[in-house]
């Protein structure tokens, strides 16, 4: 008998949580999907904690800001190197 656990995608977890938010009993949901109630509530709490992100579509994340800044820096370095090569007549 395999002891492997099911891996749930984010959209699957959201769908399970939404069933509870629409009024289906948590006990029924957990029996149907073979998850514990503590797992359901963990998913629900995470879902609710991040619900505001759904309305931040146009916001740039910190990581994206860092990558944009790094990209600009690297483009500057490449430009300087290209000028240096041109100056040395390569």
N, C-alpha and C. Protein backbone atom coordinates (compact mmCIF):
# COMPACT_ATOMS: atom_id res chain seq x y z
N UNK A 1 0.84 -1.19 0.00
CA UNK A 1 0.00 0.00 0.00
C UNK A 1 0.88 1.24 0.00
N UNK A 2 0.61 2.16 -0.90
CA UNK A 2 1.42 3.38 -1.02
C UNK A 2 1.02 4.40 0.04
N UNK A 3 2.03 5.08 0.58
CA UNK A 3 1.79 6.09 1.60
C UNK A 3 1.94 7.49 1.01
N UNK A 4 1.83 7.60 -0.32
CA UNK A 4 2.01 8.90 -0.94
C UNK A 4 0.79 9.78 -0.72
N UNK A 5 1.03 11.06 -0.63
CA UNK A 5 -0.05 12.02 -0.43
C UNK A 5 -0.35 12.72 -1.73
N UNK A 6 -1.59 13.14 -1.85
CA UNK A 6 -2.00 13.87 -3.04
C UNK A 6 -1.42 15.27 -2.99
N UNK A 7 -0.98 15.75 -4.11
CA UNK A 7 -0.49 17.12 -4.23
C UNK A 7 -1.60 17.94 -4.85
N UNK A 8 -2.04 18.97 -4.15
CA UNK A 8 -3.14 19.82 -4.59
C UNK A 8 -2.60 21.09 -5.22
N UNK A 9 -3.15 21.47 -6.36
CA UNK A 9 -2.76 22.74 -6.98
C UNK A 9 -3.46 23.87 -6.25
N UNK A 10 -2.98 25.07 -6.47
CA UNK A 10 -3.61 26.23 -5.86
C UNK A 10 -5.06 26.40 -6.28
N UNK A 11 -5.34 26.15 -7.54
CA UNK A 11 -6.73 26.31 -8.01
C UNK A 11 -7.64 25.23 -7.43
N UNK A 12 -7.11 24.03 -7.21
CA UNK A 12 -7.90 22.97 -6.58
C UNK A 12 -8.22 23.33 -5.13
N UNK A 13 -7.23 23.83 -4.41
CA UNK A 13 -7.44 24.24 -3.02
C UNK A 13 -8.48 25.35 -2.95
N UNK A 14 -8.37 26.32 -3.86
CA UNK A 14 -9.33 27.43 -3.88
C UNK A 14 -10.74 26.93 -4.13
N UNK A 15 -10.89 25.97 -5.02
CA UNK A 15 -12.22 25.42 -5.33
C UNK A 15 -12.81 24.72 -4.11
N UNK A 16 -11.97 23.98 -3.37
CA UNK A 16 -12.44 23.30 -2.16
C UNK A 16 -12.88 24.33 -1.13
N UNK A 17 -12.08 25.35 -0.92
CA UNK A 17 -12.42 26.40 0.05
C UNK A 17 -13.70 27.12 -0.36
N UNK A 18 -13.85 27.39 -1.64
CA UNK A 18 -15.05 28.09 -2.11
C UNK A 18 -16.32 27.29 -1.84
N UNK A 19 -16.22 25.97 -1.90
CA UNK A 19 -17.39 25.16 -1.58
C UNK A 19 -17.86 25.44 -0.16
N UNK A 20 -16.92 25.55 0.76
CA UNK A 20 -17.27 25.85 2.15
C UNK A 20 -17.82 27.26 2.30
N UNK A 21 -17.27 28.19 1.53
CA UNK A 21 -17.73 29.57 1.62
C UNK A 21 -19.12 29.73 1.02
N UNK A 22 -19.49 28.80 0.15
CA UNK A 22 -20.83 28.84 -0.46
C UNK A 22 -21.87 28.14 0.41
N UNK A 23 -21.45 27.58 1.54
CA UNK A 23 -22.41 27.02 2.46
C UNK A 23 -22.37 25.53 2.68
N UNK A 24 -21.60 24.81 1.89
CA UNK A 24 -21.51 23.36 2.09
C UNK A 24 -20.79 23.10 3.41
N UNK A 25 -21.21 22.10 4.14
CA UNK A 25 -20.60 21.85 5.46
C UNK A 25 -19.15 21.39 5.29
N UNK A 26 -18.32 21.86 6.21
CA UNK A 26 -16.90 21.52 6.17
C UNK A 26 -16.73 20.01 6.33
N UNK A 27 -17.53 19.39 7.16
CA UNK A 27 -17.44 17.94 7.35
C UNK A 27 -17.69 17.21 6.03
N UNK A 28 -18.71 17.62 5.29
CA UNK A 28 -19.00 16.99 4.00
C UNK A 28 -17.86 17.19 3.00
N UNK A 29 -17.33 18.39 2.96
CA UNK A 29 -16.22 18.70 2.06
C UNK A 29 -15.02 17.81 2.37
N UNK A 30 -14.71 17.70 3.65
CA UNK A 30 -13.52 16.94 4.06
C UNK A 30 -13.68 15.45 3.76
N UNK A 31 -14.88 14.93 3.96
CA UNK A 31 -15.13 13.51 3.63
C UNK A 31 -15.01 13.31 2.12
N UNK A 32 -15.64 14.21 1.37
CA UNK A 32 -15.63 14.09 -0.09
C UNK A 32 -14.21 14.13 -0.66
N UNK A 33 -13.40 15.06 -0.19
CA UNK A 33 -12.04 15.23 -0.74
C UNK A 33 -10.97 14.47 0.05
N UNK A 34 -11.38 13.78 1.09
CA UNK A 34 -10.48 13.01 1.94
C UNK A 34 -9.35 13.86 2.50
N UNK A 35 -9.74 14.99 3.09
CA UNK A 35 -8.79 15.87 3.77
C UNK A 35 -9.29 16.06 5.20
N UNK A 36 -8.38 16.46 6.07
CA UNK A 36 -8.78 16.72 7.45
C UNK A 36 -9.41 18.10 7.56
N UNK A 37 -10.18 18.30 8.60
CA UNK A 37 -10.78 19.61 8.81
C UNK A 37 -9.70 20.65 9.09
N UNK A 38 -8.65 20.25 9.77
CA UNK A 38 -7.57 21.20 10.03
C UNK A 38 -6.91 21.64 8.72
N UNK A 39 -6.81 20.72 7.75
CA UNK A 39 -6.26 21.07 6.43
C UNK A 39 -7.18 22.06 5.74
N UNK A 40 -8.48 21.79 5.77
CA UNK A 40 -9.44 22.71 5.15
C UNK A 40 -9.30 24.11 5.76
N UNK A 41 -9.27 24.20 7.08
CA UNK A 41 -9.20 25.51 7.72
C UNK A 41 -7.86 26.21 7.46
N UNK A 42 -6.81 25.43 7.33
CA UNK A 42 -5.51 26.00 6.96
C UNK A 42 -5.58 26.63 5.57
N UNK A 43 -6.17 25.89 4.61
CA UNK A 43 -6.34 26.41 3.25
C UNK A 43 -7.23 27.64 3.25
N UNK A 44 -8.35 27.57 4.01
CA UNK A 44 -9.28 28.69 4.06
C UNK A 44 -8.60 29.95 4.61
N UNK A 45 -7.84 29.80 5.70
CA UNK A 45 -7.17 30.94 6.30
C UNK A 45 -6.14 31.55 5.34
N UNK A 46 -5.41 30.70 4.63
CA UNK A 46 -4.44 31.18 3.65
C UNK A 46 -5.15 31.88 2.49
N UNK A 47 -6.25 31.30 2.05
CA UNK A 47 -7.06 31.88 0.98
C UNK A 47 -7.54 33.28 1.37
N UNK A 48 -8.08 33.40 2.56
CA UNK A 48 -8.60 34.69 3.02
C UNK A 48 -7.48 35.70 3.26
N UNK A 49 -6.35 35.25 3.76
CA UNK A 49 -5.22 36.14 4.01
C UNK A 49 -4.68 36.75 2.72
N UNK A 50 -4.84 36.04 1.61
CA UNK A 50 -4.30 36.51 0.33
C UNK A 50 -5.38 37.00 -0.63
N UNK A 51 -6.61 37.09 -0.17
CA UNK A 51 -7.72 37.49 -1.04
C UNK A 51 -7.51 38.89 -1.63
N UNK A 52 -6.90 39.78 -0.89
CA UNK A 52 -6.66 41.14 -1.38
C UNK A 52 -5.79 41.20 -2.62
N UNK A 53 -4.96 40.21 -2.81
CA UNK A 53 -4.08 40.19 -3.98
C UNK A 53 -4.85 40.11 -5.29
N UNK A 54 -6.06 39.59 -5.24
CA UNK A 54 -6.88 39.48 -6.45
C UNK A 54 -7.18 40.86 -7.03
N UNK A 55 -7.13 41.88 -6.20
CA UNK A 55 -7.44 43.23 -6.65
C UNK A 55 -6.19 44.06 -6.91
N UNK A 56 -5.02 43.44 -6.82
CA UNK A 56 -3.75 44.13 -7.03
C UNK A 56 -3.08 43.69 -8.31
N UNK A 57 -3.86 43.45 -9.34
CA UNK A 57 -3.35 42.92 -10.60
C UNK A 57 -2.30 43.84 -11.22
N UNK A 58 -2.50 45.14 -11.12
CA UNK A 58 -1.58 46.09 -11.76
C UNK A 58 -0.39 46.45 -10.89
N UNK A 59 -0.32 45.93 -9.68
CA UNK A 59 0.78 46.22 -8.78
C UNK A 59 1.99 45.37 -9.16
N UNK A 60 3.16 45.96 -9.05
CA UNK A 60 4.40 45.23 -9.31
C UNK A 60 4.94 44.73 -7.98
N UNK A 61 5.29 43.45 -7.91
CA UNK A 61 5.81 42.88 -6.68
C UNK A 61 7.22 43.39 -6.42
N UNK A 62 7.67 43.23 -5.20
CA UNK A 62 9.04 43.64 -4.85
C UNK A 62 10.07 42.92 -5.69
N UNK A 63 9.83 41.64 -5.92
CA UNK A 63 10.77 40.86 -6.73
C UNK A 63 10.82 41.39 -8.16
N UNK A 64 9.64 41.72 -8.71
CA UNK A 64 9.60 42.29 -10.06
C UNK A 64 10.31 43.63 -10.10
N UNK A 65 10.14 44.46 -9.06
CA UNK A 65 10.84 45.75 -8.99
C UNK A 65 12.35 45.54 -8.96
N UNK A 66 12.78 44.56 -8.15
CA UNK A 66 14.22 44.26 -8.06
C UNK A 66 14.76 43.80 -9.40
N UNK A 67 14.01 42.94 -10.08
CA UNK A 67 14.45 42.45 -11.38
C UNK A 67 14.50 43.57 -12.43
N UNK A 68 13.52 44.48 -12.41
CA UNK A 68 13.53 45.61 -13.34
C UNK A 68 14.74 46.50 -13.10
N UNK A 69 15.04 46.76 -11.83
CA UNK A 69 16.20 47.59 -11.48
C UNK A 69 17.50 46.91 -11.93
N UNK A 70 17.60 45.61 -11.67
CA UNK A 70 18.79 44.86 -12.09
C UNK A 70 18.91 44.86 -13.61
N UNK A 71 17.79 44.71 -14.31
CA UNK A 71 17.78 44.73 -15.76
C UNK A 71 18.29 46.07 -16.29
N UNK A 72 17.82 47.16 -15.71
CA UNK A 72 18.28 48.49 -16.13
C UNK A 72 19.79 48.63 -15.91
N UNK A 73 20.26 48.15 -14.75
CA UNK A 73 21.69 48.24 -14.45
C UNK A 73 22.51 47.46 -15.48
N UNK A 74 22.06 46.24 -15.79
CA UNK A 74 22.80 45.41 -16.74
C UNK A 74 22.79 46.01 -18.15
N UNK A 75 21.67 46.62 -18.53
CA UNK A 75 21.63 47.29 -19.83
C UNK A 75 22.62 48.44 -19.87
N UNK A 76 22.76 49.16 -18.75
CA UNK A 76 23.74 50.23 -18.68
C UNK A 76 25.16 49.72 -18.82
N UNK A 77 25.45 48.60 -18.15
CA UNK A 77 26.78 48.00 -18.23
C UNK A 77 27.07 47.56 -19.66
N UNK A 78 26.08 46.95 -20.30
CA UNK A 78 26.26 46.52 -21.70
C UNK A 78 26.50 47.72 -22.60
N UNK A 79 25.76 48.80 -22.38
CA UNK A 79 25.96 50.00 -23.17
C UNK A 79 27.35 50.57 -23.01
N UNK A 80 27.84 50.61 -21.75
CA UNK A 80 29.19 51.11 -21.49
C UNK A 80 30.24 50.23 -22.16
N UNK A 81 30.06 48.93 -22.10
CA UNK A 81 31.00 48.01 -22.74
C UNK A 81 30.98 48.16 -24.25
N UNK A 82 29.78 48.37 -24.82
CA UNK A 82 29.68 48.55 -26.27
C UNK A 82 30.41 49.82 -26.69
N UNK A 83 30.26 50.90 -25.91
CA UNK A 83 30.97 52.14 -26.22
C UNK A 83 32.47 51.95 -26.11
N UNK A 84 32.90 51.21 -25.09
CA UNK A 84 34.33 50.96 -24.90
C UNK A 84 34.90 50.16 -26.06
N UNK A 85 34.16 49.15 -26.53
CA UNK A 85 34.61 48.36 -27.68
C UNK A 85 34.66 49.22 -28.93
N UNK A 86 33.66 50.07 -29.09
CA UNK A 86 33.64 50.94 -30.26
C UNK A 86 34.81 51.92 -30.23
N UNK A 87 35.09 52.42 -29.03
CA UNK A 87 36.19 53.36 -28.86
C UNK A 87 37.52 52.69 -29.20
N UNK A 88 37.67 51.42 -28.88
CA UNK A 88 38.90 50.70 -29.17
C UNK A 88 38.91 50.12 -30.57
N UNK A 89 37.86 50.41 -31.35
CA UNK A 89 37.76 50.02 -32.75
C UNK A 89 37.76 48.51 -32.96
N UNK A 90 36.95 47.86 -32.23
CA UNK A 90 36.83 46.40 -32.39
C UNK A 90 35.97 46.12 -33.52
